[in-house]
Amino acid sequence: MAHAIFFYVFSTIAIVSAIMVTASKNTVHSVFFLILDFISVSCLFIMIGAEFLGMIMLIVYVGAVAVLFLFVVMMLNVAQQKNQWFLSSQSSRHIPMGLIIGTIIFFELIIVIGGWKYKPELLDKKNSISSFEGISNTHSLGQILYTDYIHIFQISGMVLLVAMIGAIVLTFRQREGVKKQSYIKQISRERSEGVEVLEVQSNKGVKIDD
């Protein structure tokens, strides 16, 4: 019963936050809701026994991608804001929204981690991924991904490689009047090309231009 209640609660939070990502007019709030959506989905993964997927989603998407989005969005208006959070008379709208979403995230993590470690009845052990064949979900995921679907995995990697090369080609611009260095010439030159020995007469200087 408790598992079903928390499942519907986290699912509702994930759906609402996903809608608010596109419906919110403030870009910073959209990133806040995106982080909440990722964490809610991670909690759902942990509740069904896929701890590896849940933790990877927390580390990669929440800890890296979403936080990077947040910093990029907030850095876009740095020149315009001029530290208005602390210097202006009106309080920022980001702080209350961030506190609300942070509180929801805190309670979600407490419930899931507490149920995972101390309250096993909160998790669905019958349909857990780790219960099949007595192996962990990390082992089963690696076996399926790198054994049964290795060709699809390699094709997806090639698609991502082509997308990366295409993005580089589309954004690359040849600029004129820019000094460039040839590292091949630098590392392949001989001592005679880089060092010149001059005979200096006594009590006379050396003209570098000569």
C-alpha atoms as a PDB file:
ATOM      1  CA  MET A   1       0.000   0.000   0.000  1.00  0.00           C
ATOM      2  CA  ALA A   2       2.742   2.447   0.928  1.00  0.00           C
ATOM      3  CA  HIS A   3       4.619   1.594  -2.264  1.00  0.00           C
ATOM      4  CA  ALA A   4       1.573   2.403  -4.412  1.00  0.00           C
ATOM      5  CA  ILE A   5       0.946   5.701  -2.605  1.00  0.00           C
ATOM      6  CA  PHE A   6       4.505   6.943  -3.028  1.00  0.00           C
ATOM      7  CA  PHE A   7       4.569   5.719  -6.624  1.00  0.00           C
ATOM      8  CA  TYR A   8       1.532   7.808  -7.556  1.00  0.00           C
ATOM      9  CA  VAL A   9       2.847  10.802  -5.605  1.00  0.00           C
ATOM     10  CA  PHE A  10       6.241  10.741  -7.350  1.00  0.00           C
ATOM     11  CA  SER A  11       4.599  10.093 -10.724  1.00  0.00           C
ATOM     12  CA  THR A  12       2.306  13.078 -10.253  1.00  0.00           C
ATOM     13  CA  ILE A  13       5.230  15.295  -9.264  1.00  0.00           C
ATOM     14  CA  ALA A  14       7.202  14.122 -12.304  1.00  0.00           C
ATOM     15  CA  ILE A  15       4.311  14.806 -14.713  1.00  0.00           C
ATOM     16  CA  VAL A  16       3.511  18.229 -13.249  1.00  0.00           C
ATOM     17  CA  SER A  17       7.161  19.302 -13.203  1.00  0.00           C
ATOM     18  CA  ALA A  18       7.590  18.126 -16.813  1.00  0.00           C
ATOM     19  CA  ILE A  19       4.616  20.269 -17.851  1.00  0.00           C
ATOM     20  CA  MET A  20       5.970  23.250 -15.911  1.00  0.00           C
ATOM     21  CA  VAL A  21       9.335  22.966 -17.710  1.00  0.00           C
ATOM     22  CA  THR A  22       7.627  24.064 -20.933  1.00  0.00           C
ATOM     23  CA  ALA A  23       4.829  26.149 -19.400  1.00  0.00           C
ATOM     24  CA  SER A  24       6.983  28.319 -17.139  1.00  0.00           C
ATOM     25  CA  LYS A  25       7.845  31.716 -18.615  1.00  0.00           C
ATOM     26  CA  ASN A  26      10.952  32.094 -16.443  1.00  0.00           C
ATOM     27  CA  THR A  27      13.912  30.113 -17.758  1.00  0.00           C
ATOM     28  CA  VAL A  28      15.462  29.695 -14.307  1.00  0.00           C
ATOM     29  CA  HIS A  29      12.198  28.235 -12.986  1.00  0.00           C
ATOM     30  CA  SER A  30      12.100  25.885 -15.978  1.00  0.00           C
ATOM     31  CA  VAL A  31      15.513  24.511 -15.027  1.00  0.00           C
ATOM     32  CA  PHE A  32      14.335  24.145 -11.404  1.00  0.00           C
ATOM     33  CA  PHE A  33      11.376  22.062 -12.561  1.00  0.00           C
ATOM     34  CA  LEU A  34      13.659  20.067 -14.862  1.00  0.00           C
ATOM     35  CA  ILE A  35      15.838  19.131 -11.877  1.00  0.00           C
ATOM     36  CA  LEU A  36      12.722  18.174  -9.907  1.00  0.00           C
ATOM     37  CA  ASP A  37      11.532  16.026 -12.810  1.00  0.00           C
ATOM     38  CA  PHE A  38      14.862  14.204 -13.054  1.00  0.00           C
ATOM     39  CA  ILE A  39      14.946  13.512  -9.320  1.00  0.00           C
ATOM     40  CA  SER A  40      11.344  12.253  -9.290  1.00  0.00           C
ATOM     41  CA  VAL A  41      12.075   9.835 -12.131  1.00  0.00           C
ATOM     42  CA  SER A  42      15.237   8.720 -10.307  1.00  0.00           C
ATOM     43  CA  CYS A  43      13.164   8.011  -7.206  1.00  0.00           C
ATOM     44  CA  LEU A  44      10.786   5.907  -9.302  1.00  0.00           C
ATOM     45  CA  PHE A  45      13.733   3.898 -10.635  1.00  0.00           C
ATOM     46  CA  ILE A  46      14.989   3.290  -7.102  1.00  0.00           C
ATOM     47  CA  MET A  47      11.522   2.223  -5.944  1.00  0.00           C
ATOM     48  CA  ILE A  48      11.317  -0.546  -8.559  1.00  0.00           C
ATOM     49  CA  GLY A  49      14.761  -1.823  -7.596  1.00  0.00           C
ATOM     50  CA  ALA A  50      16.810  -0.232 -10.382  1.00  0.00           C
ATOM     51  CA  GLU A  51      19.203   1.536  -8.028  1.00  0.00           C
ATOM     52  CA  PHE A  52      21.924   1.776 -10.649  1.00  0.00           C
ATOM     53  CA  LEU A  53      19.731   3.657 -13.141  1.00  0.00           C
ATOM     54  CA  GLY A  54      18.391   5.930 -10.405  1.00  0.00           C
ATOM     55  CA  MET A  55      21.825   6.837  -9.081  1.00  0.00           C
ATOM     56  CA  ILE A  56      23.265   7.323 -12.568  1.00  0.00           C
ATOM     57  CA  MET A  57      20.395   9.661 -13.382  1.00  0.00           C
ATOM     58  CA  LEU A  58      21.035  11.628 -10.192  1.00  0.00           C
ATOM     59  CA  ILE A  59      24.768  11.891 -10.859  1.00  0.00           C
ATOM     60  CA  VAL A  60      24.736  12.557 -14.607  1.00  0.00           C
ATOM     61  CA  TYR A  61      21.513  14.429 -15.347  1.00  0.00           C
ATOM     62  CA  VAL A  62      20.930  16.241 -12.057  1.00  0.00           C
ATOM     63  CA  GLY A  63      24.509  16.641 -10.879  1.00  0.00           C
ATOM     64  CA  ALA A  64      25.990  17.635 -14.226  1.00  0.00           C
ATOM     65  CA  VAL A  65      23.574  18.413 -17.056  1.00  0.00           C
ATOM     66  CA  ALA A  66      20.777  20.178 -15.173  1.00  0.00           C
ATOM     67  CA  VAL A  67      23.168  22.138 -12.956  1.00  0.00           C
ATOM     68  CA  LEU A  68      25.091  23.187 -16.088  1.00  0.00           C
ATOM     69  CA  PHE A  69      21.820  24.385 -17.653  1.00  0.00           C
ATOM     70  CA  LEU A  70      21.055  26.339 -14.490  1.00  0.00           C
ATOM     71  CA  PHE A  71      24.433  28.070 -14.447  1.00  0.00           C
ATOM     72  CA  VAL A  72      24.237  28.895 -18.165  1.00  0.00           C
ATOM     73  CA  VAL A  73      20.743  30.349 -17.870  1.00  0.00           C
ATOM     74  CA  MET A  74      21.636  32.394 -14.798  1.00  0.00           C
ATOM     75  CA  MET A  75      24.870  33.656 -16.388  1.00  0.00           C
ATOM     76  CA  LEU A  76      23.010  35.002 -19.435  1.00  0.00           C
ATOM     77  CA  ASN A  77      21.565  37.941 -17.474  1.00  0.00           C
ATOM     78  CA  VAL A  78      24.496  38.697 -15.188  1.00  0.00           C
ATOM     79  CA  ALA A  79      25.192  42.092 -16.741  1.00  0.00           C
ATOM     80  CA  GLN A  80      21.523  43.056 -16.476  1.00  0.00           C
ATOM     81  CA  GLN A  81      20.855  41.869 -12.942  1.00  0.00           C
ATOM     82  CA  LYS A  82      23.890  43.492 -11.226  1.00  0.00           C
ATOM     83  CA  ASN A  83      23.528  41.476  -8.040  1.00  0.00           C
ATOM     84  CA  GLN A  84      19.866  42.421  -7.625  1.00  0.00           C
ATOM     85  CA  TRP A  85      19.344  39.462  -5.314  1.00  0.00           C
ATOM     86  CA  PHE A  86      21.254  41.214  -2.555  1.00  0.00           C
ATOM     87  CA  LEU A  87      21.288  44.911  -3.455  1.00  0.00           C
ATOM     88  CA  SER A  88      17.766  45.631  -4.694  1.00  0.00           C
ATOM     89  CA  SER A  89      14.882  46.476  -2.423  1.00  0.00           C
ATOM     90  CA  GLN A  90      12.652  43.824  -3.985  1.00  0.00           C
ATOM     91  CA  SER A  91      13.520  40.215  -3.275  1.00  0.00           C
ATOM     92  CA  SER A  92      14.267  37.905  -6.181  1.00  0.00           C
ATOM     93  CA  ARG A  93      11.529  35.633  -7.482  1.00  0.00           C
ATOM     94  CA  HIS A  94      13.996  32.780  -7.864  1.00  0.00           C
ATOM     95  CA  ILE A  95      14.621  32.316  -4.142  1.00  0.00           C
ATOM     96  CA  PRO A  96      11.054  31.279  -3.060  1.00  0.00           C
ATOM     97  CA  MET A  97      10.675  28.946  -6.031  1.00  0.00           C
ATOM     98  CA  GLY A  98      14.077  27.429  -5.386  1.00  0.00           C
ATOM     99  CA  LEU A  99      13.238  26.889  -1.698  1.00  0.00           C
ATOM    100  CA  ILE A 100       9.928  25.197  -2.540  1.00  0.00           C
ATOM    101  CA  ILE A 101      11.455  22.872  -5.130  1.00  0.00           C
ATOM    102  CA  GLY A 102      14.454  22.190  -2.885  1.00  0.00           C
ATOM    103  CA  THR A 103      12.135  21.214  -0.023  1.00  0.00           C
ATOM    104  CA  ILE A 104      10.206  18.815  -2.275  1.00  0.00           C
ATOM    105  CA  ILE A 105      13.468  17.282  -3.504  1.00  0.00           C
ATOM    106  CA  PHE A 106      14.722  16.919   0.079  1.00  0.00           C
ATOM    107  CA  PHE A 107      11.623  15.015   1.213  1.00  0.00           C
ATOM    108  CA  GLU A 108      11.666  12.842  -1.912  1.00  0.00           C
ATOM    109  CA  LEU A 109      15.243  11.772  -1.272  1.00  0.00           C
ATOM    110  CA  ILE A 110      14.573  11.181   2.432  1.00  0.00           C
ATOM    111  CA  ILE A 111      11.568   8.959   1.648  1.00  0.00           C
ATOM    112  CA  VAL A 112      13.300   6.953  -1.066  1.00  0.00           C
ATOM    113  CA  ILE A 113      16.652   6.512   0.677  1.00  0.00           C
ATOM    114  CA  GLY A 114      14.931   5.774   3.982  1.00  0.00           C
ATOM    115  CA  GLY A 115      12.677   3.210   2.324  1.00  0.00           C
ATOM    116  CA  TRP A 116      15.616   1.675   0.495  1.00  0.00           C
ATOM    117  CA  LYS A 117      17.783   1.313   3.585  1.00  0.00           C
ATOM    118  CA  TYR A 118      15.493   1.124   6.626  1.00  0.00           C
ATOM    119  CA  LYS A 119      11.937   0.438   5.390  1.00  0.00           C
ATOM    120  CA  PRO A 120      12.091  -2.362   2.796  1.00  0.00           C
ATOM    121  CA  GLU A 121       8.302  -2.611   2.715  1.00  0.00           C
ATOM    122  CA  LEU A 122       8.148   0.767   0.958  1.00  0.00           C
ATOM    123  CA  LEU A 123       9.835  -0.782  -2.071  1.00  0.00           C
ATOM    124  CA  ASP A 124       8.276  -3.343  -4.366  1.00  0.00           C
ATOM    125  CA  LYS A 125      10.544  -6.344  -3.889  1.00  0.00           C
ATOM    126  CA  LYS A 126       8.311  -8.669  -5.909  1.00  0.00           C
ATOM    127  CA  ASN A 127       8.728  -6.760  -9.176  1.00  0.00           C
ATOM    128  CA  SER A 128      12.251  -5.610  -8.435  1.00  0.00           C
ATOM    129  CA  ILE A 129      14.698  -5.832 -11.300  1.00  0.00           C
ATOM    130  CA  SER A 130      17.399  -7.175  -8.991  1.00  0.00           C
ATOM    131  CA  SER A 131      15.263 -10.182  -8.029  1.00  0.00           C
ATOM    132  CA  PHE A 132      15.518 -11.919 -11.404  1.00  0.00           C
ATOM    133  CA  GLU A 133      17.961 -14.835 -11.463  1.00  0.00           C
ATOM    134  CA  GLY A 134      19.502 -13.611  -8.222  1.00  0.00           C
ATOM    135  CA  ILE A 135      21.755 -11.015  -9.879  1.00  0.00           C
ATOM    136  CA  SER A 136      21.981  -7.288  -9.422  1.00  0.00           C
ATOM    137  CA  ASN A 137      20.300  -4.869 -11.794  1.00  0.00           C
ATOM    138  CA  THR A 138      23.696  -3.441 -12.730  1.00  0.00           C
ATOM    139  CA  HIS A 139      24.879  -6.866 -13.877  1.00  0.00           C
ATOM    140  CA  SER A 140      21.656  -7.595 -15.761  1.00  0.00           C
ATOM    141  CA  LEU A 141      21.664  -4.163 -17.410  1.00  0.00           C
ATOM    142  CA  GLY A 142      25.252  -4.594 -18.573  1.00  0.00           C
ATOM    143  CA  GLN A 143      24.536  -8.094 -19.853  1.00  0.00           C
ATOM    144  CA  ILE A 144      21.522  -6.946 -21.848  1.00  0.00           C
ATOM    145  CA  LEU A 145      23.120  -3.752 -23.139  1.00  0.00           C
ATOM    146  CA  TYR A 146      26.529  -5.111 -24.089  1.00  0.00           C
ATOM    147  CA  THR A 147      25.481  -8.641 -25.111  1.00  0.00           C
ATOM    148  CA  ASP A 148      21.954  -8.841 -26.489  1.00  0.00           C
ATOM    149  CA  TYR A 149      21.782  -5.311 -27.925  1.00  0.00           C
ATOM    150  CA  ILE A 150      25.442  -4.593 -28.618  1.00  0.00           C
ATOM    151  CA  HIS A 151      24.794  -3.735 -32.294  1.00  0.00           C
ATOM    152  CA  ILE A 152      22.074  -1.225 -31.409  1.00  0.00           C
ATOM    153  CA  PHE A 153      24.354   0.242 -28.759  1.00  0.00           C
ATOM    154  CA  GLN A 154      27.178   0.680 -31.289  1.00  0.00           C
ATOM    155  CA  ILE A 155      24.796   2.207 -33.836  1.00  0.00           C
ATOM    156  CA  SER A 156      23.536   4.720 -31.268  1.00  0.00           C
ATOM    157  CA  GLY A 157      27.152   5.630 -30.509  1.00  0.00           C
ATOM    158  CA  MET A 158      27.822   6.230 -34.210  1.00  0.00           C
ATOM    159  CA  VAL A 159      24.688   8.389 -34.468  1.00  0.00           C
ATOM    160  CA  LEU A 160      25.908  10.526 -31.567  1.00  0.00           C
ATOM    161  CA  LEU A 161      29.357  10.779 -33.189  1.00  0.00           C
ATOM    162  CA  VAL A 162      27.830  11.950 -36.475  1.00  0.00           C
ATOM    163  CA  ALA A 163      25.669  14.480 -34.586  1.00  0.00           C
ATOM    164  CA  MET A 164      28.742  15.833 -32.796  1.00  0.00           C
ATOM    165  CA  ILE A 165      30.707  16.155 -36.047  1.00  0.00           C
ATOM    166  CA  GLY A 166      27.721  17.831 -37.711  1.00  0.00           C
ATOM    167  CA  ALA A 167      27.425  20.380 -34.900  1.00  0.00           C
ATOM    168  CA  ILE A 168      31.134  21.183 -35.218  1.00  0.00           C
ATOM    169  CA  VAL A 169      30.892  21.572 -38.991  1.00  0.00           C
ATOM    170  CA  LEU A 170      27.815  23.816 -38.788  1.00  0.00           C
ATOM    171  CA  THR A 171      29.339  26.136 -36.180  1.00  0.00           C
ATOM    172  CA  PHE A 172      32.860  26.247 -37.605  1.00  0.00           C
ATOM    173  CA  ARG A 173      33.785  29.553 -39.257  1.00  0.00           C
ATOM    174  CA  GLN A 174      37.030  30.340 -41.032  1.00  0.00           C
ATOM    175  CA  ARG A 175      38.325  33.657 -39.732  1.00  0.00           C
ATOM    176  CA  GLU A 176      40.760  35.813 -41.640  1.00  0.00           C
ATOM    177  CA  GLY A 177      43.603  37.833 -40.203  1.00  0.00           C
ATOM    178  CA  VAL A 178      44.167  35.486 -37.262  1.00  0.00           C
ATOM    179  CA  LYS A 179      47.691  34.411 -36.428  1.00  0.00           C
ATOM    180  CA  LYS A 180      48.010  30.646 -36.275  1.00  0.00           C
ATOM    181  CA  GLN A 181      50.724  28.373 -35.021  1.00  0.00           C
ATOM    182  CA  SER A 182      51.845  25.182 -36.712  1.00  0.00           C
ATOM    183  CA  TYR A 183      52.881  22.797 -33.958  1.00  0.00           C
ATOM    184  CA  ILE A 184      54.266  20.392 -36.567  1.00  0.00           C
ATOM    185  CA  LYS A 185      56.783  23.003 -37.695  1.00  0.00           C
ATOM    186  CA  GLN A 186      57.599  23.876 -34.097  1.00  0.00           C
ATOM    187  CA  ILE A 187      58.391  20.334 -32.981  1.00  0.00           C
ATOM    188  CA  SER A 188      60.150  19.335 -36.237  1.00  0.00           C
ATOM    189  CA  ARG A 189      62.594  22.219 -36.529  1.00  0.00           C
ATOM    190  CA  GLU A 190      66.295  21.644 -36.034  1.00  0.00           C
ATOM    191  CA  ARG A 191      68.715  23.436 -33.740  1.00  0.00           C
ATOM    192  CA  SER A 192      70.280  25.267 -36.667  1.00  0.00           C
ATOM    193  CA  GLU A 193      66.882  26.795 -37.531  1.00  0.00           C
ATOM    194  CA  GLY A 194      66.077  28.039 -34.025  1.00  0.00           C
ATOM    195  CA  VAL A 195      69.482  29.027 -32.676  1.00  0.00           C
ATOM    196  CA  GLU A 196      71.920  31.442 -34.279  1.00  0.00           C
ATOM    197  CA  VAL A 197      75.418  31.909 -32.921  1.00  0.00           C
ATOM    198  CA  LEU A 198      76.925  35.366 -33.384  1.00  0.00           C
ATOM    199  CA  GLU A 199      80.507  36.436 -32.980  1.00  0.00           C
ATOM    200  CA  VAL A 200      80.546  39.631 -30.990  1.00  0.00           C
ATOM    201  CA  GLN A 201      83.588  41.852 -31.096  1.00  0.00           C
ATOM    202  CA  SER A 202      84.993  43.233 -27.891  1.00  0.00           C
ATOM    203  CA  ASN A 203      83.456  46.473 -26.577  1.00  0.00           C
ATOM    204  CA  LYS A 204      80.771  46.473 -29.275  1.00  0.00           C
ATOM    205  CA  GLY A 205      77.067  45.731 -29.096  1.00  0.00           C
ATOM    206  CA  VAL A 206      74.911  43.503 -31.267  1.00  0.00           C
ATOM    207  CA  LYS A 207      72.226  44.693 -33.680  1.00  0.00           C
ATOM    208  CA  ILE A 208      69.352  42.218 -33.573  1.00  0.00           C
ATOM    209  CA  ASP A 209      68.036  43.317 -36.969  1.00  0.00           C
ATOM    210  CA  ASP A 210      71.216  42.291 -38.742  1.00  0.00           C
END
